[in-house]
Amino acid sequence: MRHRKKGRKLGRDKNQREALLSNLVKSLIFYEEIVTTQAKSKEAARFAEKMITLAKDGSVHHRRIVLKFIHDKKVVNKLFSIVAPRYQEQKGGYTQIIKLGYRQGDSALMCKVRLV
């Protein structure tokens, strides 16, 4: 049973899933919008919200926590200097998921995730 278990497995083992989510969040912060499947978009939005919340404080400790997840100094610098100050007064809801329709190859529901 999956009682009280958060997150989706996305058909991958732990290391692949962490790498996938890290890259999705990195792309979301860098480009400020990405297009992916619905399950991946929901997970990416969850982690992006956490990273933005950590970046709003701006401490060295939180920068190191974010660097542990994202692994790209340019993206982390953009997150702390440009993205986080935008949401300083906001308490949450930094991302928006927009459904685009079904992909032709496998009929997966595609969504656009963007920073509000």
PDB file of N, CA and C in Angstrom:
ATOM      1  N   MET A   1       0.831  -1.193   0.000  1.00  0.00           N
ATOM      2  CA  MET A   1       0.000   0.000   0.000  1.00  0.00           C
ATOM      3  C   MET A   1       0.873   1.254   0.000  1.00  0.00           C
ATOM      4  N   ARG A   2       0.347   2.307  -0.615  1.00  0.00           N
ATOM      5  CA  ARG A   2       1.111   3.533  -0.758  1.00  0.00           C
ATOM      6  C   ARG A   2       0.644   4.625   0.197  1.00  0.00           C
ATOM      7  N   HIS A   3       0.123   4.259   1.333  1.00  0.00           N
ATOM      8  CA  HIS A   3      -0.359   5.266   2.256  1.00  0.00           C
ATOM      9  C   HIS A   3       0.781   6.173   2.693  1.00  0.00           C
ATOM     10  N   ARG A   4       0.543   7.484   2.658  1.00  0.00           N
ATOM     11  CA  ARG A   4       1.471   8.523   3.121  1.00  0.00           C
ATOM     12  C   ARG A   4       2.800   8.534   2.366  1.00  0.00           C
ATOM     13  N   LYS A   5       2.782   8.105   1.119  1.00  0.00           N
ATOM     14  CA  LYS A   5       3.979   8.144   0.284  1.00  0.00           C
ATOM     15  C   LYS A   5       3.785   9.257  -0.740  1.00  0.00           C
ATOM     16  N   LYS A   6       4.669  10.258  -0.697  1.00  0.00           N
ATOM     17  CA  LYS A   6       4.544  11.377  -1.627  1.00  0.00           C
ATOM     18  C   LYS A   6       5.340  11.111  -2.887  1.00  0.00           C
ATOM     19  N   GLY A   7       4.921  11.709  -3.968  1.00  0.00           N
ATOM     20  CA  GLY A   7       5.692  11.658  -5.198  1.00  0.00           C
ATOM     21  C   GLY A   7       5.307  10.509  -6.101  1.00  0.00           C
ATOM     22  N   ARG A   8       5.678  10.655  -7.353  1.00  0.00           N
ATOM     23  CA  ARG A   8       5.414   9.643  -8.367  1.00  0.00           C
ATOM     24  C   ARG A   8       6.715   8.945  -8.720  1.00  0.00           C
ATOM     25  N   LYS A   9       6.628   7.702  -9.156  1.00  0.00           N
ATOM     26  CA  LYS A   9       7.838   6.957  -9.516  1.00  0.00           C
ATOM     27  C   LYS A   9       8.269   7.227 -10.951  1.00  0.00           C
ATOM     28  N   LEU A  10       7.339   7.606 -11.816  1.00  0.00           N
ATOM     29  CA  LEU A  10       7.612   7.959 -13.206  1.00  0.00           C
ATOM     30  C   LEU A  10       8.301   6.842 -13.983  1.00  0.00           C
ATOM     31  N   GLY A  11       8.115   5.597 -13.559  1.00  0.00           N
ATOM     32  CA  GLY A  11       8.673   4.463 -14.287  1.00  0.00           C
ATOM     33  C   GLY A  11      10.184   4.381 -14.248  1.00  0.00           C
ATOM     34  N   ARG A  12      10.799   4.929 -13.217  1.00  0.00           N
ATOM     35  CA  ARG A  12      12.256   4.971 -13.134  1.00  0.00           C
ATOM     36  C   ARG A  12      12.691   4.576 -11.732  1.00  0.00           C
ATOM     37  N   ASP A  13      13.979   4.179 -11.624  1.00  0.00           N
ATOM     38  CA  ASP A  13      14.495   3.940 -10.285  1.00  0.00           C
ATOM     39  C   ASP A  13      14.900   5.277  -9.655  1.00  0.00           C
ATOM     40  N   LYS A  14      15.365   5.244  -8.427  1.00  0.00           N
ATOM     41  CA  LYS A  14      15.572   6.465  -7.658  1.00  0.00           C
ATOM     42  C   LYS A  14      16.568   7.426  -8.309  1.00  0.00           C
ATOM     43  N   ASN A  15      17.717   6.913  -8.758  1.00  0.00           N
ATOM     44  CA  ASN A  15      18.746   7.779  -9.331  1.00  0.00           C
ATOM     45  C   ASN A  15      18.277   8.432 -10.627  1.00  0.00           C
ATOM     46  N   GLN A  16      17.628   7.652 -11.491  1.00  0.00           N
ATOM     47  CA  GLN A  16      17.128   8.207 -12.749  1.00  0.00           C
ATOM     48  C   GLN A  16      16.045   9.253 -12.493  1.00  0.00           C
ATOM     49  N   ARG A  17      15.183   8.969 -11.515  1.00  0.00           N
ATOM     50  CA  ARG A  17      14.099   9.900 -11.182  1.00  0.00           C
ATOM     51  C   ARG A  17      14.650  11.212 -10.647  1.00  0.00           C
ATOM     52  N   GLU A  18      15.657  11.138  -9.764  1.00  0.00           N
ATOM     53  CA  GLU A  18      16.268  12.359  -9.221  1.00  0.00           C
ATOM     54  C   GLU A  18      16.945  13.172 -10.315  1.00  0.00           C
ATOM     55  N   ALA A  19      17.634  12.495 -11.241  1.00  0.00           N
ATOM     56  CA  ALA A  19      18.291  13.197 -12.348  1.00  0.00           C
ATOM     57  C   ALA A  19      17.266  13.857 -13.256  1.00  0.00           C
ATOM     58  N   LEU A  20      16.184  13.136 -13.556  1.00  0.00           N
ATOM     59  CA  LEU A  20      15.126  13.684 -14.409  1.00  0.00           C
ATOM     60  C   LEU A  20      14.505  14.927 -13.785  1.00  0.00           C
ATOM     61  N   LEU A  21      14.144  14.840 -12.506  1.00  0.00           N
ATOM     62  CA  LEU A  21      13.511  15.982 -11.841  1.00  0.00           C
ATOM     63  C   LEU A  21      14.471  17.156 -11.710  1.00  0.00           C
ATOM     64  N   SER A  22      15.738  16.861 -11.448  1.00  0.00           N
ATOM     65  CA  SER A  22      16.730  17.922 -11.361  1.00  0.00           C
ATOM     66  C   SER A  22      16.838  18.664 -12.692  1.00  0.00           C
ATOM     67  N   ASN A  23      16.893  17.922 -13.798  1.00  0.00           N
ATOM     68  CA  ASN A  23      16.991  18.551 -15.111  1.00  0.00           C
ATOM     69  C   ASN A  23      15.724  19.308 -15.478  1.00  0.00           C
ATOM     70  N   LEU A  24      14.556  18.770 -15.115  1.00  0.00           N
ATOM     71  CA  LEU A  24      13.309  19.483 -15.401  1.00  0.00           C
ATOM     72  C   LEU A  24      13.232  20.806 -14.639  1.00  0.00           C
ATOM     73  N   VAL A  25      13.610  20.780 -13.373  1.00  0.00           N
ATOM     74  CA  VAL A  25      13.573  22.004 -12.563  1.00  0.00           C
ATOM     75  C   VAL A  25      14.609  23.001 -13.072  1.00  0.00           C
ATOM     76  N   LYS A  26      15.776  22.503 -13.448  1.00  0.00           N
ATOM     77  CA  LYS A  26      16.822  23.376 -13.989  1.00  0.00           C
ATOM     78  C   LYS A  26      16.328  24.075 -15.257  1.00  0.00           C
ATOM     79  N   SER A  27      15.704  23.321 -16.154  1.00  0.00           N
ATOM     80  CA  SER A  27      15.167  23.910 -17.385  1.00  0.00           C
ATOM     81  C   SER A  27      14.036  24.882 -17.094  1.00  0.00           C
ATOM     82  N   LEU A  28      13.190  24.539 -16.138  1.00  0.00           N
ATOM     83  CA  LEU A  28      12.070  25.421 -15.791  1.00  0.00           C
ATOM     84  C   LEU A  28      12.575  26.763 -15.269  1.00  0.00           C
ATOM     85  N   ILE A  29      13.596  26.738 -14.435  1.00  0.00           N
ATOM     86  CA  ILE A  29      14.123  27.992 -13.894  1.00  0.00           C
ATOM     87  C   ILE A  29      14.865  28.774 -14.969  1.00  0.00           C
ATOM     88  N   PHE A  30      15.621  28.086 -15.817  1.00  0.00           N
ATOM     89  CA  PHE A  30      16.420  28.768 -16.836  1.00  0.00           C
ATOM     90  C   PHE A  30      15.543  29.373 -17.933  1.00  0.00           C
ATOM     91  N   TYR A  31      14.606  28.583 -18.477  1.00  0.00           N
ATOM     92  CA  TYR A  31      13.757  29.049 -19.585  1.00  0.00           C
ATOM     93  C   TYR A  31      12.427  29.634 -19.112  1.00  0.00           C
ATOM     94  N   GLU A  32      12.085  29.437 -17.862  1.00  0.00           N
ATOM     95  CA  GLU A  32      10.867  29.913 -17.225  1.00  0.00           C
ATOM     96  C   GLU A  32       9.597  29.270 -17.755  1.00  0.00           C
ATOM     97  N   GLU A  33       9.715  28.298 -18.673  1.00  0.00           N
ATOM     98  CA  GLU A  33       8.607  27.445 -19.052  1.00  0.00           C
ATOM     99  C   GLU A  33       9.130  26.220 -19.784  1.00  0.00           C
ATOM    100  N   ILE A  34       8.474  25.077 -19.554  1.00  0.00           N
ATOM    101  CA  ILE A  34       8.844  23.834 -20.220  1.00  0.00           C
ATOM    102  C   ILE A  34       7.570  23.102 -20.628  1.00  0.00           C
ATOM    103  N   VAL A  35       7.685  22.199 -21.600  1.00  0.00           N
ATOM    104  CA  VAL A  35       6.572  21.364 -22.037  1.00  0.00           C
ATOM    105  C   VAL A  35       6.963  19.922 -21.777  1.00  0.00           C
ATOM    106  N   THR A  36       6.120  19.197 -21.039  1.00  0.00           N
ATOM    107  CA  THR A  36       6.383  17.805 -20.707  1.00  0.00           C
ATOM    108  C   THR A  36       5.051  17.111 -20.412  1.00  0.00           C
ATOM    109  N   THR A  37       5.104  15.829 -20.039  1.00  0.00           N
ATOM    110  CA  THR A  37       3.879  15.098 -19.755  1.00  0.00           C
ATOM    111  C   THR A  37       3.279  15.579 -18.432  1.00  0.00           C
ATOM    112  N   GLN A  38       2.039  15.218 -18.194  1.00  0.00           N
ATOM    113  CA  GLN A  38       1.333  15.726 -17.025  1.00  0.00           C
ATOM    114  C   GLN A  38       1.968  15.248 -15.713  1.00  0.00           C
ATOM    115  N   ALA A  39       2.324  13.975 -15.625  1.00  0.00           N
ATOM    116  CA  ALA A  39       2.898  13.448 -14.387  1.00  0.00           C
ATOM    117  C   ALA A  39       4.237  14.121 -14.082  1.00  0.00           C
ATOM    118  N   LYS A  40       5.075  14.262 -15.114  1.00  0.00           N
ATOM    119  CA  LYS A  40       6.373  14.913 -14.918  1.00  0.00           C
ATOM    120  C   LYS A  40       6.197  16.381 -14.570  1.00  0.00           C
ATOM    121  N   SER A  41       5.214  17.023 -15.179  1.00  0.00           N
ATOM    122  CA  SER A  41       5.012  18.445 -14.910  1.00  0.00           C
ATOM    123  C   SER A  41       4.570  18.682 -13.473  1.00  0.00           C
ATOM    124  N   LYS A  42       3.721  17.801 -12.940  1.00  0.00           N
ATOM    125  CA  LYS A  42       3.273  17.966 -11.562  1.00  0.00           C
ATOM    126  C   LYS A  42       4.425  17.795 -10.582  1.00  0.00           C
ATOM    127  N   GLU A  43       5.288  16.813 -10.833  1.00  0.00           N
ATOM    128  CA  GLU A  43       6.442  16.597  -9.956  1.00  0.00           C
ATOM    129  C   GLU A  43       7.437  17.750 -10.080  1.00  0.00           C
ATOM    130  N   ALA A  44       7.705  18.197 -11.310  1.00  0.00           N
ATOM    131  CA  ALA A  44       8.648  19.297 -11.515  1.00  0.00           C
ATOM    132  C   ALA A  44       8.158  20.571 -10.834  1.00  0.00           C
ATOM    133  N   ALA A  45       6.863  20.831 -10.923  1.00  0.00           N
ATOM    134  CA  ALA A  45       6.307  22.020 -10.283  1.00  0.00           C
ATOM    135  C   ALA A  45       6.453  21.941  -8.767  1.00  0.00           C
ATOM    136  N   ARG A  46       6.259  20.748  -8.206  1.00  0.00           N
ATOM    137  CA  ARG A  46       6.416  20.559  -6.762  1.00  0.00           C
ATOM    138  C   ARG A  46       7.819  20.918  -6.298  1.00  0.00           C
ATOM    139  N   PHE A  47       8.816  20.390  -7.023  1.00  0.00           N
ATOM    140  CA  PHE A  47      10.201  20.642  -6.623  1.00  0.00           C
ATOM    141  C   PHE A  47      10.626  22.077  -6.928  1.00  0.00           C
ATOM    142  N   ALA A  48      10.118  22.656  -8.006  1.00  0.00           N
ATOM    143  CA  ALA A  48      10.460  24.043  -8.331  1.00  0.00           C
ATOM    144  C   ALA A  48       9.932  24.990  -7.249  1.00  0.00           C
ATOM    145  N   GLU A  49       8.741  24.711  -6.742  1.00  0.00           N
ATOM    146  CA  GLU A  49       8.182  25.531  -5.660  1.00  0.00           C
ATOM    147  C   GLU A  49       9.085  25.475  -4.431  1.00  0.00           C
ATOM    148  N   LYS A  50       9.584  24.281  -4.114  1.00  0.00           N
ATOM    149  CA  LYS A  50      10.478  24.142  -2.961  1.00  0.00           C
ATOM    150  C   LYS A  50      11.763  24.934  -3.167  1.00  0.00           C
ATOM    151  N   MET A  51      12.325  24.865  -4.375  1.00  0.00           N
ATOM    152  CA  MET A  51      13.580  25.569  -4.648  1.00  0.00           C
ATOM    153  C   MET A  51      13.393  27.084  -4.575  1.00  0.00           C
ATOM    154  N   ILE A  52      12.291  27.581  -5.088  1.00  0.00           N
ATOM    155  CA  ILE A  52      12.027  29.023  -5.044  1.00  0.00           C
ATOM    156  C   ILE A  52      11.817  29.478  -3.604  1.00  0.00           C
ATOM    157  N   THR A  53      11.123  28.671  -2.811  1.00  0.00           N
ATOM    158  CA  THR A  53      10.912  29.012  -1.406  1.00  0.00           C
ATOM    159  C   THR A  53      12.246  29.081  -0.669  1.00  0.00           C
ATOM    160  N   LEU A  54      13.146  28.139  -0.937  1.00  0.00           N
ATOM    161  CA  LEU A  54      14.474  28.181  -0.316  1.00  0.00           C
ATOM    162  C   LEU A  54      15.257  29.405  -0.782  1.00  0.00           C
ATOM    163  N   ALA A  55      15.143  29.747  -2.059  1.00  0.00           N
ATOM    164  CA  ALA A  55      15.904  30.861  -2.612  1.00  0.00           C
ATOM    165  C   ALA A  55      15.422  32.212  -2.103  1.00  0.00           C
ATOM    166  N   LYS A  56      14.176  32.305  -1.671  1.00  0.00           N
ATOM    167  CA  LYS A  56      13.653  33.580  -1.183  1.00  0.00           C
ATOM    168  C   LYS A  56      14.413  34.067   0.046  1.00  0.00           C
ATOM    169  N   ASP A  57      14.899  33.142   0.868  1.00  0.00           N
ATOM    170  CA  ASP A  57      15.665  33.519   2.058  1.00  0.00           C
ATOM    171  C   ASP A  57      17.034  34.069   1.666  1.00  0.00           C
ATOM    172  N   GLY A  58      17.690  33.433   0.699  1.00  0.00           N
ATOM    173  CA  GLY A  58      18.958  33.944   0.187  1.00  0.00           C
ATOM    174  C   GLY A  58      20.175  33.618   1.019  1.00  0.00           C
ATOM    175  N   SER A  59      20.060  32.733   2.003  1.00  0.00           N
ATOM    176  CA  SER A  59      21.220  32.419   2.841  1.00  0.00           C
ATOM    177  C   SER A  59      22.169  31.451   2.120  1.00  0.00           C
ATOM    178  N   VAL A  60      23.383  31.395   2.597  1.00  0.00           N
ATOM    179  CA  VAL A  60      24.390  30.507   2.016  1.00  0.00           C
ATOM    180  C   VAL A  60      23.969  29.052   2.204  1.00  0.00           C
ATOM    181  N   HIS A  61      23.378  28.748   3.344  1.00  0.00           N
ATOM    182  CA  HIS A  61      22.927  27.383   3.618  1.00  0.00           C
ATOM    183  C   HIS A  61      21.877  26.933   2.597  1.00  0.00           C
ATOM    184  N   HIS A  62      20.914  27.810   2.316  1.00  0.00           N
ATOM    185  CA  HIS A  62      19.876  27.458   1.353  1.00  0.00           C
ATOM    186  C   HIS A  62      20.444  27.393  -0.056  1.00  0.00           C
ATOM    187  N   ARG A  63      21.425  28.226  -0.370  1.00  0.00           N
ATOM    188  CA  ARG A  63      22.075  28.157  -1.681  1.00  0.00           C
ATOM    189  C   ARG A  63      22.756  26.807  -1.866  1.00  0.00           C
ATOM    190  N   ARG A  64      23.371  26.295  -0.818  1.00  0.00           N
ATOM    191  CA  ARG A  64      24.043  24.996  -0.905  1.00  0.00           C
ATOM    192  C   ARG A  64      23.034  23.860  -1.048  1.00  0.00           C
ATOM    193  N   ILE A  65      21.903  23.967  -0.368  1.00  0.00           N
ATOM    194  CA  ILE A  65      20.858  22.950  -0.499  1.00  0.00           C
ATOM    195  C   ILE A  65      20.340  22.917  -1.940  1.00  0.00           C
ATOM    196  N   VAL A  66      20.102  24.094  -2.523  1.00  0.00           N
ATOM    197  CA  VAL A  66      19.606  24.172  -3.893  1.00  0.00           C
ATOM    198  C   VAL A  66      20.668  23.656  -4.865  1.00  0.00           C
ATOM    199  N   LEU A  67      21.935  23.993  -4.633  1.00  0.00           N
ATOM    200  CA  LEU A  67      23.015  23.512  -5.496  1.00  0.00           C
ATOM    201  C   LEU A  67      23.127  21.995  -5.455  1.00  0.00           C
ATOM    202  N   LYS A  68      22.808  21.391  -4.329  1.00  0.00           N
ATOM    203  CA  LYS A  68      22.834  19.943  -4.204  1.00  0.00           C
ATOM    204  C   LYS A  68      21.796  19.293  -5.111  1.00  0.00           C
ATOM    205  N   PHE A  69      20.684  19.987  -5.339  1.00  0.00           N
ATOM    206  CA  PHE A  69      19.613  19.433  -6.167  1.00  0.00           C
ATOM    207  C   PHE A  69      19.780  19.799  -7.642  1.00  0.00           C
ATOM    208  N   ILE A  70      20.218  21.035  -7.946  1.00  0.00           N
ATOM    209  CA  ILE A  70      20.225  21.517  -9.323  1.00  0.00           C
ATOM    210  C   ILE A  70      21.554  21.294 -10.045  1.00  0.00           C
ATOM    211  N   HIS A  71      22.680  21.374  -9.377  1.00  0.00           N
ATOM    212  CA  HIS A  71      24.012  21.086  -9.943  1.00  0.00           C
ATOM    213  C   HIS A  71      24.460  22.046 -11.049  1.00  0.00           C
ATOM    214  N   ASP A  72      23.943  23.255 -11.098  1.00  0.00           N
ATOM    215  CA  ASP A  72      24.367  24.212 -12.126  1.00  0.00           C
ATOM    216  C   ASP A  72      24.416  25.601 -11.500  1.00  0.00           C
ATOM    217  N   LYS A  73      25.624  26.161 -11.390  1.00  0.00           N
ATOM    218  CA  LYS A  73      25.786  27.436 -10.694  1.00  0.00           C
ATOM    219  C   LYS A  73      25.101  28.591 -11.411  1.00  0.00           C
ATOM    220  N   LYS A  74      25.088  28.573 -12.748  1.00  0.00           N
ATOM    221  CA  LYS A  74      24.434  29.650 -13.492  1.00  0.00           C
ATOM    222  C   LYS A  74      22.937  29.698 -13.181  1.00  0.00           C
ATOM    223  N   VAL A  75      22.321  28.526 -13.179  1.00  0.00           N
ATOM    224  CA  VAL A  75      20.882  28.458 -12.920  1.00  0.00           C
ATOM    225  C   VAL A  75      20.585  28.853 -11.478  1.00  0.00           C
ATOM    226  N   VAL A  76      21.429  28.418 -10.547  1.00  0.00           N
ATOM    227  CA  VAL A  76      21.221  28.767  -9.132  1.00  0.00           C
ATOM    228  C   VAL A  76      21.392  30.270  -8.935  1.00  0.00           C
ATOM    229  N   ASN A  77      22.372  30.869  -9.610  1.00  0.00           N
ATOM    230  CA  ASN A  77      22.547  32.324  -9.516  1.00  0.00           C
ATOM    231  C   ASN A  77      21.332  33.060 -10.060  1.00  0.00           C
ATOM    232  N   LYS A  78      20.783  32.568 -11.181  1.00  0.00           N
ATOM    233  CA  LYS A  78      19.579  33.198 -11.734  1.00  0.00           C
ATOM    234  C   LYS A  78      18.414  33.044 -10.762  1.00  0.00           C
ATOM    235  N   LEU A  79      18.301  31.859 -10.154  1.00  0.00           N
ATOM    236  CA  LEU A  79      17.226  31.614  -9.195  1.00  0.00           C
ATOM    237  C   LEU A  79      17.303  32.578  -8.024  1.00  0.00           C
ATOM    238  N   PHE A  80      18.494  32.765  -7.467  1.00  0.00           N
ATOM    239  CA  PHE A  80      18.642  33.605  -6.275  1.00  0.00           C
ATOM    240  C   PHE A  80      18.609  35.097  -6.603  1.00  0.00           C
ATOM    241  N   SER A  81      19.090  35.499  -7.795  1.00  0.00           N
ATOM    242  CA  SER A  81      19.187  36.933  -8.085  1.00  0.00           C
ATOM    243  C   SER A  81      17.991  37.480  -8.863  1.00  0.00           C
ATOM    244  N   ILE A  82      17.354  36.667  -9.707  1.00  0.00           N
ATOM    245  CA  ILE A  82      16.279  37.179 -10.553  1.00  0.00           C
ATOM    246  C   ILE A  82      14.915  36.600 -10.172  1.00  0.00           C
ATOM    247  N   VAL A  83      14.835  35.269 -10.070  1.00  0.00           N
ATOM    248  CA  VAL A  83      13.539  34.622  -9.889  1.00  0.00           C
ATOM    249  C   VAL A  83      12.997  34.814  -8.473  1.00  0.00           C
ATOM    250  N   ALA A  84      13.795  34.537  -7.464  1.00  0.00           N
ATOM    251  CA  ALA A  84      13.309  34.601  -6.079  1.00  0.00           C
ATOM    252  C   ALA A  84      12.852  35.999  -5.657  1.00  0.00           C
ATOM    253  N   PRO A  85      13.569  37.077  -6.005  1.00  0.00           N
ATOM    254  CA  PRO A  85      13.084  38.411  -5.612  1.00  0.00           C
ATOM    255  C   PRO A  85      11.708  38.759  -6.198  1.00  0.00           C
ATOM    256  N   ARG A  86      11.357  38.160  -7.344  1.00  0.00           N
ATOM    257  CA  ARG A  86      10.047  38.368  -7.947  1.00  0.00           C
ATOM    258  C   ARG A  86       8.914  37.938  -7.024  1.00  0.00           C
ATOM    259  N   TYR A  87       9.158  36.864  -6.272  1.00  0.00           N
ATOM    260  CA  TYR A  87       8.118  36.266  -5.439  1.00  0.00           C
ATOM    261  C   TYR A  87       8.320  36.550  -3.955  1.00  0.00           C
ATOM    262  N   GLN A  88       9.018  37.611  -3.621  1.00  0.00           N
ATOM    263  CA  GLN A  88       9.334  37.897  -2.224  1.00  0.00           C
ATOM    264  C   GLN A  88       8.080  38.079  -1.369  1.00  0.00           C
ATOM    265  N   GLU A  89       7.052  38.705  -1.909  1.00  0.00           N
ATOM    266  CA  GLU A  89       5.825  38.958  -1.152  1.00  0.00           C
ATOM    267  C   GLU A  89       4.832  37.802  -1.239  1.00  0.00           C
ATOM    268  N   GLN A  90       5.041  36.879  -2.178  1.00  0.00           N
ATOM    269  CA  GLN A  90       4.112  35.786  -2.404  1.00  0.00           C
ATOM    270  C   GLN A  90       4.456  34.594  -1.514  1.00  0.00           C
ATOM    271  N   LYS A  91       3.465  33.900  -0.994  1.00  0.00           N
ATOM    272  CA  LYS A  91       3.705  32.791  -0.079  1.00  0.00           C
ATOM    273  C   LYS A  91       3.693  31.436  -0.763  1.00  0.00           C
ATOM    274  N   GLY A  92       3.398  31.369  -2.031  1.00  0.00           N
ATOM    275  CA  GLY A  92       3.364  30.091  -2.740  1.00  0.00           C
ATOM    276  C   GLY A  92       2.688  30.271  -4.077  1.00  0.00           C
ATOM    277  N   GLY A  93       2.548  29.188  -4.812  1.00  0.00           N
ATOM    278  CA  GLY A  93       1.879  29.262  -6.105  1.00  0.00           C
ATOM    279  C   GLY A  93       2.722  29.957  -7.142  1.00  0.00           C
ATOM    280  N   TYR A  94       3.987  29.565  -7.246  1.00  0.00           N
ATOM    281  CA  TYR A  94       4.899  30.218  -8.181  1.00  0.00           C
ATOM    282  C   TYR A  94       4.821  29.614  -9.573  1.00  0.00           C
ATOM    283  N   THR A  95       4.244  28.429  -9.693  1.00  0.00           N
ATOM    284  CA  THR A  95       4.186  27.756 -10.987  1.00  0.00           C
ATOM    285  C   THR A  95       2.747  27.574 -11.429  1.00  0.00           C
ATOM    286  N   GLN A  96       2.584  27.415 -12.732  1.00  0.00           N
ATOM    287  CA  GLN A  96       1.263  27.203 -13.315  1.00  0.00           C
ATOM    288  C   GLN A  96       1.387  26.072 -14.325  1.00  0.00           C
ATOM    289  N   ILE A  97       0.444  25.138 -14.310  1.00  0.00           N
ATOM    290  CA  ILE A  97       0.433  24.017 -15.246  1.00  0.00           C
ATOM    291  C   ILE A  97      -0.743  24.217 -16.197  1.00  0.00           C
ATOM    292  N   ILE A  98      -0.437  24.255 -17.501  1.00  0.00           N
ATOM    293  CA  ILE A  98      -1.450  24.461 -18.530  1.00  0.00           C
ATOM    294  C   ILE A  98      -1.498  23.206 -19.396  1.00  0.00           C
ATOM    295  N   LYS A  99      -2.669  22.592 -19.517  1.00  0.00           N
ATOM    296  CA  LYS A  99      -2.807  21.388 -20.340  1.00  0.00           C
ATOM    297  C   LYS A  99      -2.854  21.788 -21.810  1.00  0.00           C
ATOM    298  N   LEU A 100      -2.059  21.090 -22.636  1.00  0.00           N
ATOM    299  CA  LEU A 100      -1.949  21.436 -24.052  1.00  0.00           C
ATOM    300  C   LEU A 100      -2.701  20.482 -24.968  1.00  0.00           C
ATOM    301  N   GLY A 101      -2.885  19.259 -24.563  1.00  0.00           N
ATOM    302  CA  GLY A 101      -3.530  18.263 -25.418  1.00  0.00           C
ATOM    303  C   GLY A 101      -2.722  16.984 -25.397  1.00  0.00           C
ATOM    304  N   TYR A 102      -3.125  16.045 -26.229  1.00  0.00           N
ATOM    305  CA  TYR A 102      -2.492  14.736 -26.208  1.00  0.00           C
ATOM    306  C   TYR A 102      -1.409  14.631 -27.277  1.00  0.00           C
ATOM    307  N   ARG A 103      -0.300  13.996 -26.925  1.00  0.00           N
ATOM    308  CA  ARG A 103       0.799  13.763 -27.857  1.00  0.00           C
ATOM    309  C   ARG A 103       0.366  12.706 -28.856  1.00  0.00           C
ATOM    310  N   GLN A 104       0.760  12.880 -30.120  1.00  0.00           N
ATOM    311  CA  GLN A 104       0.278  12.004 -31.173  1.00  0.00           C
ATOM    312  C   GLN A 104       0.842  10.587 -31.052  1.00  0.00           C
ATOM    313  N   GLY A 105       2.081  10.436 -30.659  1.00  0.00           N
ATOM    314  CA  GLY A 105       2.723   9.128 -30.650  1.00  0.00           C
ATOM    315  C   GLY A 105       2.123   8.146 -29.666  1.00  0.00           C
ATOM    316  N   ASP A 106       1.915   8.586 -28.419  1.00  0.00           N
ATOM    317  CA  ASP A 106       1.442   7.658 -27.390  1.00  0.00           C
ATOM    318  C   ASP A 106       0.235   8.189 -26.621  1.00  0.00           C
ATOM    319  N   SER A 107      -0.351   9.265 -27.072  1.00  0.00           N
ATOM    320  CA  SER A 107      -1.528   9.874 -26.451  1.00  0.00           C
ATOM    321  C   SER A 107      -1.299  10.267 -24.996  1.00  0.00           C
ATOM    322  N   ALA A 108      -0.065  10.679 -24.667  1.00  0.00           N
ATOM    323  CA  ALA A 108       0.212  11.179 -23.324  1.00  0.00           C
ATOM    324  C   ALA A 108      -0.247  12.633 -23.251  1.00  0.00           C
ATOM    325  N   LEU A 109      -0.865  12.999 -22.144  1.00  0.00           N
ATOM    326  CA  LEU A 109      -1.340  14.371 -21.968  1.00  0.00           C
ATOM    327  C   LEU A 109      -0.140  15.285 -21.742  1.00  0.00           C
ATOM    328  N   MET A 110       0.050  16.256 -22.626  1.00  0.00           N
ATOM    329  CA  MET A 110       1.173  17.180 -22.535  1.00  0.00           C
ATOM    330  C   MET A 110       0.734  18.445 -21.808  1.00  0.00           C
ATOM    331  N   CYS A 111       1.652  18.987 -20.997  1.00  0.00           N
ATOM    332  CA  CYS A 111       1.363  20.185 -20.229  1.00  0.00           C
ATOM    333  C   CYS A 111       2.529  21.146 -20.321  1.00  0.00           C
ATOM    334  N   LYS A 112       2.214  22.419 -20.201  1.00  0.00           N
ATOM    335  CA  LYS A 112       3.232  23.450 -20.127  1.00  0.00           C
ATOM    336  C   LYS A 112       3.307  23.910 -18.674  1.00  0.00           C
ATOM    337  N   VAL A 113       4.527  23.891 -18.121  1.00  0.00           N
ATOM    338  CA  VAL A 113       4.744  24.387 -16.772  1.00  0.00           C
ATOM    339  C   VAL A 113       5.457  25.701 -16.925  1.00  0.00           C
ATOM    340  N   ARG A 114       4.960  26.741 -16.257  1.00  0.00           N
ATOM    341  CA  ARG A 114       5.636  28.037 -16.358  1.00  0.00           C
ATOM    342  C   ARG A 114       5.613  28.736 -15.013  1.00  0.00           C
ATOM    343  N   LEU A 115       6.568  29.633 -14.858  1.00  0.00           N
ATOM    344  CA  LEU A 115       6.606  30.453 -13.661  1.00  0.00           C
ATOM    345  C   LEU A 115       5.610  31.578 -13.825  1.00  0.00           C
ATOM    346  N   VAL A 116       4.804  31.832 -12.807  1.00  0.00           N
ATOM    347  CA  VAL A 116       3.736  32.837 -12.883  1.00  0.00           C
ATOM    348  C   VAL A 116       4.365  34.219 -12.868  1.00  0.00           C
TER     349      VAL A 116
END
